[in-house]
Amino acid sequence: MQPPTALNAAFAAGDTAAVIAETLTMDGATTVLDIGCGHGGLAKALAARGFRVTGIDPGEAAIEAARTAAPEADFAVAPGEKLPFADHSFDAAVFLNSLHHVPETRMLDALGEAARVTRAGGTVLVVEPLAEGPFFEAVRPIDDETTIRDAANRAVADACRDGRFELRGNVVFERKERFADVDTFLRRVVSVDPTRAATVETKRGEVERLFETKATKQDGANILAQPLRIYWLRVPA
């Protein structure tokens, strides 16, 4: 099926929240679980589009930030591999750049939990960054996620093979992030995983050189592209 114009435009723009929102709208979802919601950026974007959003994250500080960012959504502190919700509670569930933060041995458990709390015939979207691209290369000296990102992609494939999901499709698109300078970039990198802070200090010189060579300049901003793969999964009836 050819995606509608709005979804094609979201892919072309690299607007991840719009890609997710348009896909969920196309599937008729109204209630959405944001698994690994972080500071609430996606929850805020989806709530603004009229979705009823619940977000979970294992980090208490992240959840407090998410509650401030998206007061219209509901949030809970919980790990993705053990969700505190009843079966079939949501029309859809989303992992946005979060599956690879689940311990590798628990990734299938997290995907199984997403299937459990999503209604039969509902949608699970998994968006994962690939281990390539300018953004990845700039972060790599601080945290080389090649192995864990590959593991997340294998976990999705395994979850489809064992019948937890039906794969409706997958698309690679490019997200482009704008940064005023390397300090802004480094704050973004540490906000995702505060344990990176110590390494940032020791690797700063190398990261600064990579940032300058990998970023493209546009309207006074530094742009780093990151290829993402979105898996469009259906929970079997």
Protein backbone atom coordinates (compact mmCIF):
# COMPACT_ATOMS: atom_id res chain seq x y z
CA MET A 1 0.00 0.00 0.00
CA GLN A 2 1.32 3.45 -0.94
CA PRO A 3 1.66 5.59 2.21
CA PRO A 4 -0.46 8.76 2.24
CA THR A 5 1.06 12.07 1.27
CA ALA A 6 1.47 13.25 4.87
CA LEU A 7 3.48 10.17 5.82
CA ASN A 8 5.69 10.47 2.75
CA ALA A 9 6.31 14.11 3.63
CA ALA A 10 7.25 13.16 7.20
CA PHE A 11 9.77 10.60 5.93
CA ALA A 12 11.25 13.13 3.49
CA ALA A 13 11.57 15.75 6.24
CA GLY A 14 13.12 13.29 8.69
CA ASP A 15 10.45 14.27 11.23
CA THR A 16 10.36 11.20 13.48
CA ALA A 17 7.39 12.31 15.60
CA ALA A 18 5.38 13.05 12.46
CA VAL A 19 6.30 9.66 10.95
CA ILE A 20 5.04 7.94 14.10
CA ALA A 21 1.90 10.08 14.36
CA GLU A 22 0.93 9.62 10.72
CA THR A 23 1.46 5.85 10.92
CA LEU A 24 -0.66 5.60 14.07
CA THR A 25 -3.37 7.76 12.51
CA MET A 26 -3.39 5.54 9.44
CA ASP A 27 -3.92 2.55 11.75
CA GLY A 28 -6.74 4.23 13.67
CA ALA A 29 -4.90 4.26 17.01
CA THR A 30 -6.01 6.69 19.73
CA THR A 31 -4.31 5.31 22.88
CA VAL A 32 -0.53 4.97 22.74
CA LEU A 33 2.13 3.63 25.11
CA ASP A 34 5.51 5.35 24.73
CA ILE A 35 8.06 2.79 25.98
CA GLY A 36 11.31 4.40 27.09
CA CYS A 37 9.78 7.87 26.88
CA GLY A 38 12.85 9.70 28.18
CA HIS A 39 12.15 13.37 28.80
CA GLY A 40 8.76 13.25 27.08
CA GLY A 41 9.48 14.73 23.67
CA LEU A 42 7.49 12.15 21.72
CA ALA A 43 4.68 12.08 24.31
CA LYS A 44 4.33 15.85 23.99
CA ALA A 45 4.24 15.70 20.19
CA LEU A 46 1.66 12.89 20.12
CA ALA A 47 -0.55 14.49 22.77
CA ALA A 48 -0.55 17.71 20.74
CA ARG A 49 -1.92 15.70 17.83
CA GLY A 50 -4.81 14.35 19.93
CA PHE A 51 -3.49 10.96 21.02
CA ARG A 52 -4.03 9.76 24.59
CA VAL A 53 -0.46 8.99 25.63
CA THR A 54 1.05 7.03 28.49
CA GLY A 55 4.82 6.99 28.86
CA ILE A 56 7.11 4.73 30.87
CA ASP A 57 10.82 4.95 31.59
CA PRO A 58 13.02 3.27 34.23
CA GLY A 59 14.60 6.59 35.19
CA GLU A 60 12.81 8.66 37.84
CA ALA A 61 14.50 11.87 36.71
CA ALA A 62 13.43 11.25 33.12
CA ILE A 63 9.83 10.73 34.20
CA GLU A 64 9.82 13.93 36.23
CA ALA A 65 11.10 15.81 33.18
CA ALA A 66 8.48 14.11 30.98
CA ARG A 67 5.67 15.13 33.34
CA THR A 68 6.80 18.73 33.02
CA ALA A 69 7.14 18.55 29.23
CA ALA A 70 3.80 16.81 28.62
CA PRO A 71 1.42 17.41 31.55
CA GLU A 72 -1.52 16.17 29.48
CA ALA A 73 0.00 12.65 29.26
CA ASP A 74 0.27 9.96 31.95
CA PHE A 75 3.64 8.63 33.08
CA ALA A 76 5.02 5.85 35.26
CA VAL A 77 8.47 4.70 36.33
CA ALA A 78 8.85 1.17 34.95
CA PRO A 79 11.21 -0.92 32.80
CA GLY A 80 10.15 -1.86 29.29
CA GLU A 81 10.59 -5.55 30.06
CA LYS A 82 7.98 -5.48 32.87
CA LEU A 83 5.09 -3.15 32.04
CA PRO A 84 2.59 -2.30 34.81
CA PHE A 85 -0.48 -2.49 32.56
CA ALA A 86 -3.22 -5.03 31.85
CA ASP A 87 -3.36 -7.04 28.65
CA HIS A 88 -4.69 -5.19 25.58
CA SER A 89 -4.65 -1.78 27.33
CA PHE A 90 -3.53 0.28 24.31
CA ASP A 91 -4.20 0.61 20.60
CA ALA A 92 -0.48 0.97 19.95
CA ALA A 93 2.96 0.97 21.55
CA VAL A 94 6.11 2.76 20.42
CA PHE A 95 9.81 2.24 21.08
CA LEU A 96 11.58 5.40 19.89
CA ASN A 97 15.36 4.92 20.09
CA SER A 98 14.77 2.92 23.27
CA LEU A 99 14.89 -0.80 22.51
CA HIS A 100 18.71 -0.78 22.35
CA HIS A 101 18.77 0.67 25.89
CA VAL A 102 17.07 -2.48 27.22
CA PRO A 103 19.60 -5.12 28.38
CA GLU A 104 20.27 -7.39 25.42
CA THR A 105 19.05 -10.50 27.23
CA ARG A 106 15.72 -8.76 27.97
CA MET A 107 14.96 -7.21 24.56
CA LEU A 108 12.64 -10.04 23.53
CA ASP A 109 10.89 -9.72 26.90
CA ALA A 110 10.34 -6.01 26.25
CA LEU A 111 8.94 -6.69 22.80
CA GLY A 112 6.71 -9.42 24.25
CA GLU A 113 5.43 -7.00 26.88
CA ALA A 114 4.61 -4.46 24.16
CA ALA A 115 2.63 -7.13 22.32
CA ARG A 116 0.84 -8.14 25.52
CA VAL A 117 -0.41 -4.65 26.41
CA THR A 118 -1.41 -3.78 22.83
CA ARG A 119 -4.82 -4.91 21.56
CA ALA A 120 -5.08 -7.71 19.03
CA GLY A 121 -4.62 -6.22 15.58
CA GLY A 122 -2.95 -3.17 17.11
CA THR A 123 0.31 -1.53 16.12
CA VAL A 124 3.79 -1.63 17.62
CA LEU A 125 6.36 0.72 16.11
CA VAL A 126 10.06 0.22 16.79
CA VAL A 127 12.35 3.03 15.68
CA GLU A 128 16.04 2.23 16.02
CA PRO A 129 19.13 4.19 14.96
CA LEU A 130 21.50 2.36 12.63
CA ALA A 131 25.20 2.06 13.49
CA GLU A 132 26.18 4.48 10.74
CA GLY A 133 25.89 8.09 9.70
CA PRO A 134 27.44 11.40 10.82
CA PHE A 135 25.65 11.58 14.18
CA PHE A 136 26.70 8.03 15.06
CA GLU A 137 30.30 8.68 14.02
CA ALA A 138 30.48 11.82 16.19
CA VAL A 139 29.15 9.95 19.23
CA ARG A 140 31.18 6.79 18.65
CA PRO A 141 34.29 7.79 20.65
CA ILE A 142 32.04 8.38 23.67
CA ASP A 143 29.80 5.35 23.29
CA ASP A 144 30.16 2.88 20.43
CA GLU A 145 26.69 1.27 20.23
CA THR A 146 27.37 -0.86 17.15
CA THR A 147 26.86 -4.19 18.92
CA ILE A 148 23.81 -3.23 20.97
CA ARG A 149 22.06 -1.56 18.03
CA ASP A 150 22.59 -4.68 15.94
CA ALA A 151 21.18 -6.74 18.82
CA ALA A 152 18.02 -4.62 18.88
CA ASN A 153 17.45 -5.19 15.18
CA ARG A 154 17.95 -8.94 15.63
CA ALA A 155 15.48 -8.95 18.53
CA VAL A 156 12.78 -7.45 16.30
CA ALA A 157 13.47 -10.11 13.67
CA ASP A 158 13.32 -12.85 16.32
CA ALA A 159 10.02 -11.48 17.69
CA CYS A 160 8.51 -11.68 14.21
CA ARG A 161 9.86 -15.18 13.60
CA ASP A 162 8.40 -16.51 16.85
CA GLY A 163 4.96 -15.08 16.09
CA ARG A 164 4.75 -12.18 18.55
CA PHE A 165 4.27 -9.81 15.62
CA GLU A 166 3.46 -9.70 11.95
CA LEU A 167 5.89 -7.47 10.06
CA ARG A 168 3.93 -5.01 7.95
CA GLY A 169 6.99 -3.20 6.71
CA ASN A 170 10.17 -1.36 7.56
CA VAL A 171 11.66 1.82 6.18
CA VAL A 172 15.00 3.54 6.64
CA PHE A 173 14.88 7.33 6.77
CA GLU A 174 17.24 10.06 7.88
CA ARG A 175 16.75 12.26 10.92
CA LYS A 176 18.64 15.55 10.82
CA GLU A 177 19.42 17.25 14.12
CA ARG A 178 20.53 20.88 14.39
CA PHE A 179 23.10 22.06 16.93
CA ALA A 180 24.37 25.55 17.64
CA ASP A 181 27.79 24.22 18.57
CA VAL A 182 29.64 21.19 19.94
CA ASP A 183 28.62 22.01 23.53
CA THR A 184 24.95 21.78 22.55
CA PHE A 185 25.66 18.47 20.86
CA LEU A 186 27.45 17.08 23.92
CA ARG A 187 24.62 18.12 26.23
CA ARG A 188 22.23 16.23 23.97
CA VAL A 189 24.46 13.13 24.03
CA VAL A 190 24.73 13.13 27.83
CA SER A 191 20.99 13.76 28.32
CA VAL A 192 20.28 10.43 26.63
CA ASP A 193 22.63 8.58 28.99
CA PRO A 194 24.13 10.52 31.93
CA THR A 195 26.79 7.82 32.44
CA ARG A 196 28.48 9.21 29.32
CA ALA A 197 29.49 12.41 31.13
CA ALA A 198 32.85 11.15 32.38
CA THR A 199 33.86 9.85 28.95
CA VAL A 200 32.87 13.14 27.33
CA GLU A 201 35.63 14.88 29.28
CA THR A 202 38.36 12.47 28.19
CA LYS A 203 37.22 12.27 24.55
CA ARG A 204 36.23 15.88 24.03
CA GLY A 205 39.06 16.76 21.64
CA GLU A 206 38.35 13.80 19.36
CA VAL A 207 34.61 14.50 19.41
CA GLU A 208 35.16 18.18 18.59
CA ARG A 209 37.21 17.20 15.51
CA LEU A 210 34.57 14.73 14.36
CA PHE A 211 31.79 17.24 14.96
CA GLU A 212 33.52 19.78 12.75
CA THR A 213 34.17 17.30 9.93
CA LYS A 214 30.86 15.40 10.02
CA ALA A 215 28.40 18.27 10.51
CA THR A 216 27.02 20.16 7.54
CA LYS A 217 26.36 23.89 7.85
CA GLN A 218 22.95 25.39 7.17
CA ASP A 219 21.62 28.81 8.23
CA GLY A 220 24.27 29.09 10.94
CA ALA A 221 23.47 25.67 12.45
CA ASN A 222 25.45 22.42 12.48
CA ILE A 223 23.42 19.49 11.16
CA LEU A 224 24.19 15.85 11.92
CA ALA A 225 22.20 13.18 10.12
CA GLN A 226 21.30 9.84 11.69
CA PRO A 227 19.73 7.01 9.66
CA LEU A 228 16.82 5.36 11.49
CA ARG A 229 14.90 2.19 10.72
CA ILE A 230 11.22 2.05 11.64
CA TYR A 231 9.58 -1.36 11.99
CA TRP A 232 5.81 -1.35 11.48
CA LEU A 233 4.53 -4.35 13.44
CA ARG A 234 1.05 -5.78 13.96
CA VAL A 235 -0.05 -7.75 17.01
CA PRO A 236 -1.70 -10.95 15.70
CA ALA A 237 -5.45 -11.29 16.26
